[in-house]
N, C-alpha and C. Protein backbone atom coordinates (compact mmCIF):
# COMPACT_ATOMS: atom_id res chain seq x y z
N UNK A 1 0.84 -1.18 0.00
CA UNK A 1 0.00 0.00 0.00
C UNK A 1 0.89 1.25 0.00
N UNK A 2 0.71 2.10 -0.98
CA UNK A 2 1.46 3.34 -1.07
C UNK A 2 0.89 4.36 -0.08
N UNK A 3 1.76 4.96 0.75
CA UNK A 3 1.26 5.94 1.71
C UNK A 3 0.65 7.15 1.00
N UNK A 4 -0.35 7.71 1.63
CA UNK A 4 -1.03 8.90 1.11
C UNK A 4 -0.06 10.08 1.03
N UNK A 5 -0.20 10.87 -0.01
CA UNK A 5 0.56 12.12 -0.13
C UNK A 5 -0.27 13.22 0.50
N UNK A 6 0.37 14.00 1.35
CA UNK A 6 -0.27 15.16 1.96
C UNK A 6 0.20 16.40 1.21
N UNK A 7 -0.74 17.15 0.68
CA UNK A 7 -0.48 18.46 0.09
C UNK A 7 -0.88 19.49 1.13
N UNK A 8 0.10 20.12 1.74
CA UNK A 8 -0.14 21.04 2.85
C UNK A 8 0.35 22.42 2.46
N UNK A 9 -0.44 23.43 2.74
CA UNK A 9 -0.01 24.78 2.41
C UNK A 9 -0.39 25.74 3.53
N UNK A 10 0.44 26.75 3.66
CA UNK A 10 0.22 27.80 4.66
C UNK A 10 0.59 29.13 4.02
N UNK A 11 -0.07 30.18 4.45
CA UNK A 11 0.27 31.53 4.01
C UNK A 11 0.43 32.39 5.25
N UNK A 12 1.56 33.08 5.30
CA UNK A 12 1.84 34.00 6.41
C UNK A 12 1.97 35.41 5.84
N UNK A 13 1.51 36.39 6.61
CA UNK A 13 1.67 37.80 6.25
C UNK A 13 2.49 38.45 7.37
N UNK A 14 3.63 39.01 7.00
CA UNK A 14 4.56 39.53 7.99
C UNK A 14 4.85 41.01 7.77
N UNK A 15 4.93 41.75 8.86
CA UNK A 15 5.20 43.19 8.80
C UNK A 15 6.70 43.43 8.71
N UNK A 16 7.29 42.99 7.61
CA UNK A 16 8.72 43.17 7.36
C UNK A 16 8.95 43.03 5.87
N UNK A 17 10.06 43.56 5.41
CA UNK A 17 10.38 43.46 3.99
C UNK A 17 10.79 42.03 3.64
N UNK A 18 10.70 41.64 2.39
CA UNK A 18 11.17 40.30 2.00
C UNK A 18 12.63 40.07 2.41
N UNK A 19 13.47 41.08 2.31
CA UNK A 19 14.88 40.94 2.69
C UNK A 19 15.04 40.67 4.18
N UNK A 20 14.24 41.34 5.00
CA UNK A 20 14.30 41.11 6.45
C UNK A 20 13.84 39.69 6.80
N UNK A 21 12.76 39.25 6.15
CA UNK A 21 12.25 37.90 6.39
C UNK A 21 13.29 36.88 5.91
N UNK A 22 13.82 37.09 4.73
CA UNK A 22 14.80 36.17 4.14
C UNK A 22 16.01 35.99 5.06
N UNK A 23 16.47 37.10 5.64
CA UNK A 23 17.65 37.04 6.51
C UNK A 23 17.46 36.05 7.66
N UNK A 24 16.24 35.88 8.10
CA UNK A 24 15.98 34.98 9.22
C UNK A 24 15.66 33.57 8.73
N UNK A 25 14.82 33.42 7.73
CA UNK A 25 14.41 32.06 7.34
C UNK A 25 15.44 31.34 6.48
N UNK A 26 16.36 32.09 5.86
CA UNK A 26 17.32 31.46 4.95
C UNK A 26 18.76 31.65 5.41
N UNK A 27 18.95 31.81 6.71
CA UNK A 27 20.33 31.96 7.15
C UNK A 27 21.05 30.62 7.02
N UNK A 28 22.34 30.66 6.77
CA UNK A 28 23.08 29.43 6.46
C UNK A 28 23.22 28.50 7.65
N UNK A 29 22.91 28.97 8.85
CA UNK A 29 22.96 28.10 10.04
C UNK A 29 21.62 27.45 10.33
N UNK A 30 20.61 27.69 9.45
CA UNK A 30 19.28 27.09 9.60
C UNK A 30 18.79 27.25 11.04
N UNK A 31 18.67 28.47 11.48
CA UNK A 31 18.40 28.78 12.89
C UNK A 31 16.94 28.67 13.29
N UNK A 32 16.15 27.94 12.54
CA UNK A 32 14.73 27.83 12.87
C UNK A 32 14.47 27.47 14.33
N UNK A 33 15.24 26.56 14.95
CA UNK A 33 14.95 26.22 16.35
C UNK A 33 15.06 27.39 17.31
N UNK A 34 15.74 28.45 16.93
CA UNK A 34 15.83 29.61 17.81
C UNK A 34 14.52 30.37 17.88
N UNK A 35 13.71 30.31 16.83
CA UNK A 35 12.48 31.11 16.84
C UNK A 35 11.20 30.28 16.64
N UNK A 36 11.31 29.04 16.23
CA UNK A 36 10.12 28.21 15.97
C UNK A 36 9.85 27.34 17.19
N UNK A 37 8.75 27.61 17.91
CA UNK A 37 8.42 26.77 19.07
C UNK A 37 8.26 25.30 18.68
N UNK A 38 8.72 24.44 19.54
CA UNK A 38 8.61 22.98 19.38
C UNK A 38 9.43 22.46 18.20
N UNK A 39 10.43 23.22 17.78
CA UNK A 39 11.36 22.80 16.74
C UNK A 39 12.75 22.75 17.37
N UNK A 40 13.47 21.68 17.12
CA UNK A 40 14.83 21.55 17.64
C UNK A 40 15.68 20.79 16.62
N UNK A 41 16.98 20.90 16.76
CA UNK A 41 17.86 20.14 15.89
C UNK A 41 17.86 18.68 16.32
N UNK A 42 17.71 17.79 15.36
CA UNK A 42 17.80 16.34 15.63
C UNK A 42 19.24 15.87 15.50
N UNK A 43 20.04 16.61 14.76
CA UNK A 43 21.44 16.27 14.52
C UNK A 43 22.13 17.54 14.02
N UNK A 44 23.46 17.56 14.04
CA UNK A 44 24.16 18.72 13.49
C UNK A 44 23.89 18.86 11.99
N UNK A 45 24.03 20.08 11.50
CA UNK A 45 23.91 20.32 10.06
C UNK A 45 24.96 19.50 9.32
N UNK A 46 24.60 19.03 8.15
CA UNK A 46 25.55 18.36 7.27
C UNK A 46 25.76 19.28 6.08
N UNK A 47 27.03 19.59 5.83
CA UNK A 47 27.32 20.52 4.73
C UNK A 47 28.43 19.93 3.86
N UNK A 48 28.12 19.78 2.59
CA UNK A 48 29.14 19.37 1.63
C UNK A 48 29.85 20.63 1.14
N UNK A 49 30.85 20.45 0.32
CA UNK A 49 31.59 21.60 -0.21
C UNK A 49 30.69 22.39 -1.17
N UNK A 50 30.37 23.65 -0.82
CA UNK A 50 29.54 24.45 -1.74
C UNK A 50 30.32 24.84 -2.99
N UNK A 51 29.60 25.09 -4.07
CA UNK A 51 30.23 25.51 -5.33
C UNK A 51 30.90 26.87 -5.19
N UNK A 52 30.34 27.71 -4.31
CA UNK A 52 30.93 29.03 -4.05
C UNK A 52 30.56 29.41 -2.61
N UNK A 53 30.99 30.59 -2.19
CA UNK A 53 30.64 31.06 -0.84
C UNK A 53 29.34 31.85 -0.81
N UNK A 54 28.60 31.87 -1.93
CA UNK A 54 27.33 32.60 -1.94
C UNK A 54 26.34 31.92 -0.99
N UNK A 55 25.43 32.71 -0.46
CA UNK A 55 24.40 32.16 0.42
C UNK A 55 23.63 31.05 -0.27
N UNK A 56 23.30 31.25 -1.53
CA UNK A 56 22.53 30.25 -2.28
C UNK A 56 23.28 28.93 -2.35
N UNK A 57 24.57 28.97 -2.70
CA UNK A 57 25.33 27.73 -2.82
C UNK A 57 25.58 27.06 -1.47
N UNK A 58 25.80 27.86 -0.43
CA UNK A 58 25.99 27.28 0.91
C UNK A 58 24.71 26.59 1.36
N UNK A 59 23.56 27.23 1.14
CA UNK A 59 22.29 26.60 1.51
C UNK A 59 22.08 25.30 0.74
N UNK A 60 22.37 25.29 -0.56
CA UNK A 60 22.17 24.07 -1.36
C UNK A 60 23.15 22.97 -0.97
N UNK A 61 24.22 23.31 -0.27
CA UNK A 61 25.18 22.31 0.20
C UNK A 61 24.88 21.85 1.63
N UNK A 62 23.74 22.30 2.18
CA UNK A 62 23.42 22.05 3.59
C UNK A 62 22.17 21.18 3.72
N UNK A 63 22.23 20.27 4.66
CA UNK A 63 21.04 19.50 5.06
C UNK A 63 20.85 19.70 6.56
N UNK A 64 19.64 20.10 6.93
CA UNK A 64 19.29 20.27 8.35
C UNK A 64 18.39 19.11 8.76
N UNK A 65 18.60 18.62 9.97
CA UNK A 65 17.78 17.55 10.54
C UNK A 65 17.05 18.15 11.73
N UNK A 66 15.74 18.31 11.59
CA UNK A 66 14.94 19.01 12.59
C UNK A 66 13.88 18.11 13.19
N UNK A 67 13.63 18.30 14.48
CA UNK A 67 12.51 17.66 15.17
C UNK A 67 11.40 18.68 15.30
N UNK A 68 10.19 18.26 14.99
CA UNK A 68 9.01 19.09 15.21
C UNK A 68 8.08 18.30 16.12
N UNK A 69 7.77 18.87 17.29
CA UNK A 69 6.86 18.20 18.22
C UNK A 69 5.44 18.66 17.92
N UNK A 70 4.61 17.73 17.50
CA UNK A 70 3.22 18.04 17.15
C UNK A 70 2.37 18.16 18.40
N UNK A 71 1.28 18.89 18.27
CA UNK A 71 0.36 19.08 19.40
C UNK A 71 -0.25 17.76 19.88
N UNK A 72 -0.24 16.74 19.03
CA UNK A 72 -0.78 15.44 19.41
C UNK A 72 0.23 14.60 20.19
N UNK A 73 1.45 15.14 20.39
CA UNK A 73 2.43 14.47 21.23
C UNK A 73 3.54 13.74 20.49
N UNK A 74 3.39 13.48 19.22
CA UNK A 74 4.45 12.78 18.49
C UNK A 74 5.49 13.77 17.99
N UNK A 75 6.67 13.26 17.70
CA UNK A 75 7.76 14.08 17.17
C UNK A 75 8.09 13.58 15.77
N UNK A 76 8.14 14.51 14.83
CA UNK A 76 8.56 14.19 13.47
C UNK A 76 9.99 14.68 13.29
N UNK A 77 10.85 13.81 12.82
CA UNK A 77 12.20 14.20 12.46
C UNK A 77 12.25 14.30 10.95
N UNK A 78 12.59 15.50 10.48
CA UNK A 78 12.54 15.78 9.05
C UNK A 78 13.88 16.37 8.62
N UNK A 79 14.41 15.85 7.52
CA UNK A 79 15.60 16.48 6.94
C UNK A 79 15.12 17.45 5.86
N UNK A 80 15.79 18.57 5.80
CA UNK A 80 15.47 19.60 4.81
C UNK A 80 16.74 19.92 4.05
N UNK A 81 16.70 19.71 2.75
CA UNK A 81 17.86 19.96 1.90
C UNK A 81 17.45 20.87 0.74
N UNK A 82 17.84 22.16 0.79
CA UNK A 82 17.49 23.07 -0.30
C UNK A 82 18.05 22.61 -1.64
N UNK A 83 17.22 22.69 -2.66
CA UNK A 83 17.63 22.31 -4.02
C UNK A 83 17.64 23.50 -4.96
N UNK A 84 16.80 24.49 -4.68
CA UNK A 84 16.75 25.73 -5.46
C UNK A 84 16.66 26.88 -4.47
N UNK A 85 17.51 27.88 -4.67
CA UNK A 85 17.50 29.05 -3.80
C UNK A 85 17.60 30.29 -4.68
N UNK A 86 16.59 31.16 -4.58
CA UNK A 86 16.56 32.41 -5.32
C UNK A 86 16.34 33.53 -4.29
N UNK A 87 17.40 34.23 -3.94
CA UNK A 87 17.35 35.27 -2.91
C UNK A 87 16.63 36.50 -3.44
N UNK A 88 15.76 37.14 -2.69
CA UNK A 88 15.07 36.73 -1.47
C UNK A 88 13.65 36.25 -1.79
N UNK A 89 13.51 35.37 -2.75
CA UNK A 89 12.18 35.01 -3.24
C UNK A 89 11.74 33.59 -2.96
N UNK A 90 12.64 32.62 -3.06
CA UNK A 90 12.15 31.24 -3.05
C UNK A 90 13.22 30.25 -2.62
N UNK A 91 12.76 29.26 -1.88
CA UNK A 91 13.59 28.09 -1.56
C UNK A 91 12.74 26.86 -1.86
N UNK A 92 13.26 25.97 -2.67
CA UNK A 92 12.65 24.65 -2.87
C UNK A 92 13.56 23.66 -2.17
N UNK A 93 12.96 22.60 -1.61
CA UNK A 93 13.78 21.66 -0.87
C UNK A 93 13.22 20.25 -0.96
N UNK A 94 14.11 19.30 -0.74
CA UNK A 94 13.73 17.91 -0.57
C UNK A 94 13.58 17.66 0.92
N UNK A 95 12.58 16.88 1.27
CA UNK A 95 12.35 16.50 2.67
C UNK A 95 12.54 14.99 2.80
N UNK A 96 13.12 14.58 3.92
CA UNK A 96 13.30 13.17 4.19
C UNK A 96 13.05 12.90 5.66
N UNK A 97 13.26 11.67 6.05
CA UNK A 97 13.01 11.30 7.44
C UNK A 97 11.59 10.79 7.60
N UNK A 98 10.89 11.27 8.61
CA UNK A 98 9.53 10.82 8.88
C UNK A 98 8.51 11.32 7.86
N UNK A 99 8.87 12.36 7.13
CA UNK A 99 8.05 12.87 6.02
C UNK A 99 8.96 12.97 4.80
N UNK A 100 8.59 12.34 3.74
CA UNK A 100 9.41 12.30 2.54
C UNK A 100 8.70 13.01 1.41
N UNK A 101 9.41 13.90 0.72
CA UNK A 101 8.81 14.60 -0.41
C UNK A 101 9.54 15.88 -0.72
N UNK A 102 8.76 16.91 -1.03
CA UNK A 102 9.34 18.19 -1.41
C UNK A 102 8.58 19.33 -0.75
N UNK A 103 9.19 20.49 -0.80
CA UNK A 103 8.54 21.68 -0.27
C UNK A 103 9.04 22.91 -0.99
N UNK A 104 8.32 24.00 -0.77
CA UNK A 104 8.71 25.27 -1.37
C UNK A 104 8.23 26.40 -0.46
N UNK A 105 9.09 27.38 -0.29
CA UNK A 105 8.77 28.60 0.45
C UNK A 105 8.96 29.75 -0.52
N UNK A 106 7.90 30.54 -0.72
CA UNK A 106 7.94 31.66 -1.65
C UNK A 106 7.62 32.95 -0.91
N UNK A 107 8.46 33.97 -1.08
CA UNK A 107 8.25 35.27 -0.47
C UNK A 107 7.80 36.25 -1.55
N UNK A 108 6.76 37.01 -1.25
CA UNK A 108 6.25 38.03 -2.18
C UNK A 108 6.07 39.33 -1.42
N UNK A 109 6.59 40.43 -1.98
CA UNK A 109 6.40 41.72 -1.31
C UNK A 109 4.94 42.16 -1.40
N UNK A 110 4.50 42.84 -0.35
CA UNK A 110 3.16 43.42 -0.30
C UNK A 110 3.29 44.84 0.23
N UNK A 111 2.25 45.61 0.11
CA UNK A 111 2.17 46.95 0.69
C UNK A 111 3.44 47.76 0.44
N UNK A 112 3.72 47.99 -0.83
CA UNK A 112 4.90 48.80 -1.22
C UNK A 112 6.18 48.24 -0.62
N UNK A 113 6.33 46.91 -0.66
CA UNK A 113 7.53 46.20 -0.19
C UNK A 113 7.78 46.31 1.31
N UNK A 114 6.81 46.76 2.09
CA UNK A 114 7.01 46.88 3.53
C UNK A 114 6.45 45.69 4.30
N UNK A 115 5.66 44.87 3.66
CA UNK A 115 5.19 43.63 4.27
C UNK A 115 5.47 42.49 3.29
N UNK A 116 5.44 41.28 3.82
CA UNK A 116 5.79 40.12 3.01
C UNK A 116 4.75 39.02 3.19
N UNK A 117 4.39 38.43 2.08
CA UNK A 117 3.55 37.24 2.09
C UNK A 117 4.47 36.04 1.87
N UNK A 118 4.33 35.05 2.74
CA UNK A 118 5.08 33.80 2.58
C UNK A 118 4.08 32.70 2.28
N UNK A 119 4.30 32.00 1.19
CA UNK A 119 3.52 30.80 0.87
C UNK A 119 4.42 29.60 1.07
N UNK A 120 3.95 28.67 1.89
CA UNK A 120 4.72 27.48 2.22
C UNK A 120 3.93 26.27 1.75
N UNK A 121 4.56 25.46 0.94
CA UNK A 121 3.91 24.27 0.40
C UNK A 121 4.75 23.04 0.73
N UNK A 122 4.08 22.01 1.19
CA UNK A 122 4.71 20.70 1.44
C UNK A 122 3.93 19.66 0.63
N UNK A 123 4.64 18.80 -0.01
CA UNK A 123 4.04 17.64 -0.68
C UNK A 123 4.81 16.44 -0.18
N UNK A 124 4.27 15.81 0.86
CA UNK A 124 5.02 14.77 1.58
C UNK A 124 4.14 13.55 1.87
N UNK A 125 4.81 12.46 2.11
CA UNK A 125 4.13 11.25 2.56
C UNK A 125 4.85 10.75 3.81
N UNK A 126 4.10 10.21 4.75
CA UNK A 126 4.72 9.69 5.98
C UNK A 126 5.52 8.43 5.69
N UNK A 127 6.60 8.25 6.43
CA UNK A 127 7.42 7.05 6.27
C UNK A 127 7.32 6.13 7.48
N UNK A 128 6.85 6.65 8.60
CA UNK A 128 6.73 5.82 9.80
C UNK A 128 5.54 4.87 9.66
N UNK A 129 5.77 3.63 10.04
CA UNK A 129 4.73 2.60 9.90
C UNK A 129 3.44 3.01 10.59
N UNK A 130 3.53 3.52 11.82
CA UNK A 130 2.31 3.85 12.57
C UNK A 130 1.52 4.96 11.88
N UNK A 131 2.23 5.93 11.29
CA UNK A 131 1.52 7.01 10.59
C UNK A 131 0.86 6.49 9.32
N UNK A 132 1.56 5.63 8.60
CA UNK A 132 0.98 5.07 7.38
C UNK A 132 -0.28 4.27 7.70
N UNK A 133 -0.24 3.52 8.79
CA UNK A 133 -1.40 2.71 9.18
C UNK A 133 -2.58 3.58 9.63
N UNK A 134 -2.29 4.66 10.35
CA UNK A 134 -3.35 5.51 10.88
C UNK A 134 -3.87 6.56 9.90
N UNK A 135 -3.11 6.84 8.85
CA UNK A 135 -3.50 7.91 7.92
C UNK A 135 -4.93 7.80 7.41
N UNK A 136 -5.43 6.61 7.05
CA UNK A 136 -6.82 6.57 6.53
C UNK A 136 -7.86 7.15 7.49
N UNK A 137 -7.62 7.02 8.80
CA UNK A 137 -8.59 7.56 9.75
C UNK A 137 -8.10 8.83 10.45
N UNK A 138 -6.78 9.01 10.52
CA UNK A 138 -6.22 10.13 11.29
C UNK A 138 -5.74 11.28 10.41
N UNK A 139 -5.89 11.21 9.10
CA UNK A 139 -5.41 12.29 8.22
C UNK A 139 -5.91 13.66 8.65
N UNK A 140 -7.19 13.82 9.00
CA UNK A 140 -7.64 15.15 9.45
C UNK A 140 -6.91 15.62 10.71
N UNK A 141 -6.62 14.72 11.63
CA UNK A 141 -5.89 15.10 12.85
C UNK A 141 -4.45 15.46 12.52
N UNK A 142 -3.80 14.71 11.61
CA UNK A 142 -2.43 15.04 11.21
C UNK A 142 -2.39 16.41 10.52
N UNK A 143 -3.38 16.68 9.68
CA UNK A 143 -3.45 17.96 8.98
C UNK A 143 -3.68 19.11 9.97
N UNK A 144 -4.54 18.90 10.95
CA UNK A 144 -4.80 19.92 11.97
C UNK A 144 -3.54 20.17 12.81
N UNK A 145 -2.82 19.11 13.15
CA UNK A 145 -1.57 19.27 13.90
C UNK A 145 -0.55 20.06 13.09
N UNK A 146 -0.49 19.79 11.79
CA UNK A 146 0.40 20.54 10.91
C UNK A 146 0.02 22.03 10.89
N UNK A 147 -1.27 22.31 10.78
CA UNK A 147 -1.74 23.69 10.74
C UNK A 147 -1.34 24.43 12.02
N UNK A 148 -1.51 23.79 13.17
CA UNK A 148 -1.14 24.41 14.44
C UNK A 148 0.37 24.63 14.50
N UNK A 149 1.15 23.65 14.08
CA UNK A 149 2.61 23.77 14.09
C UNK A 149 3.05 24.94 13.20
N UNK A 150 2.40 25.11 12.07
CA UNK A 150 2.74 26.21 11.18
C UNK A 150 2.36 27.55 11.80
N UNK A 151 1.23 27.62 12.49
CA UNK A 151 0.85 28.86 13.17
C UNK A 151 1.88 29.23 14.23
N UNK A 152 2.37 28.22 14.95
CA UNK A 152 3.40 28.47 15.96
C UNK A 152 4.67 29.01 15.30
N UNK A 153 5.02 28.46 14.13
CA UNK A 153 6.17 28.96 13.39
C UNK A 153 5.98 30.40 12.97
N UNK A 154 4.78 30.72 12.49
CA UNK A 154 4.49 32.09 12.08
C UNK A 154 4.63 33.05 13.26
N UNK A 155 4.05 32.69 14.39
CA UNK A 155 4.15 33.55 15.58
C UNK A 155 5.60 33.72 16.02
N UNK A 156 6.36 32.63 15.97
CA UNK A 156 7.77 32.71 16.33
C UNK A 156 8.55 33.61 15.40
N UNK A 157 8.25 33.54 14.11
CA UNK A 157 8.93 34.40 13.14
C UNK A 157 8.55 35.86 13.34
N UNK A 158 7.29 36.12 13.66
CA UNK A 158 6.85 37.49 13.95
C UNK A 158 7.66 38.04 15.13
N UNK A 159 7.82 37.24 16.18
CA UNK A 159 8.61 37.68 17.34
C UNK A 159 10.08 37.91 16.96
N UNK A 160 10.63 37.00 16.17
CA UNK A 160 12.03 37.14 15.75
C UNK A 160 12.23 38.39 14.91
N UNK A 161 11.29 38.68 14.04
CA UNK A 161 11.38 39.88 13.20
C UNK A 161 11.27 41.14 14.06
N UNK A 162 10.39 41.14 15.05
CA UNK A 162 10.22 42.31 15.92
C UNK A 162 11.50 42.55 16.72
N UNK A 163 12.12 41.48 17.17
CA UNK A 163 13.35 41.58 17.94
C UNK A 163 14.51 42.03 17.04
N UNK A 164 14.55 41.47 15.83
CA UNK A 164 15.63 41.72 14.89
C UNK A 164 15.60 43.14 14.33
N UNK A 165 14.41 43.71 14.17
CA UNK A 165 14.29 45.02 13.53
C UNK A 165 14.19 46.17 14.53
N UNK A 166 14.18 45.87 15.82
CA UNK A 166 14.07 46.96 16.82
C UNK A 166 15.21 46.94 17.80
């Protein structure tokens, strides 16, 4: 039985320029655990030799292993490896670990470039046996847990931006 693919999307509106948002979400140290509640490093970053010292190439040479604790109590360990980086507009990535697939984060300026819309898309399937077995009945709960986790990330980023810009 092939596990179900989850198409998950979120949209955030932030009171900061795309460049300010990019500086936090696309830093080469993948500092998401500093501002995203219930997110922590599962392992040290893995970085191969980048083609150059540009931020784009360093990010594409980096894989982050992150734990996300869901509101339902389980922890998902996900690897994130950027495959396309266009500063300050877009990051596409491969995901592995407990969720396997792809994702994309797109930044769009709003309100005369003073606010930013972030669209986050995940197209993933669970790899853990228990999740695959429960998906037919628990998919709505998994989706709701994802939505809450993303809201927590948005709130954390809002706080990080307020701290960073003041």
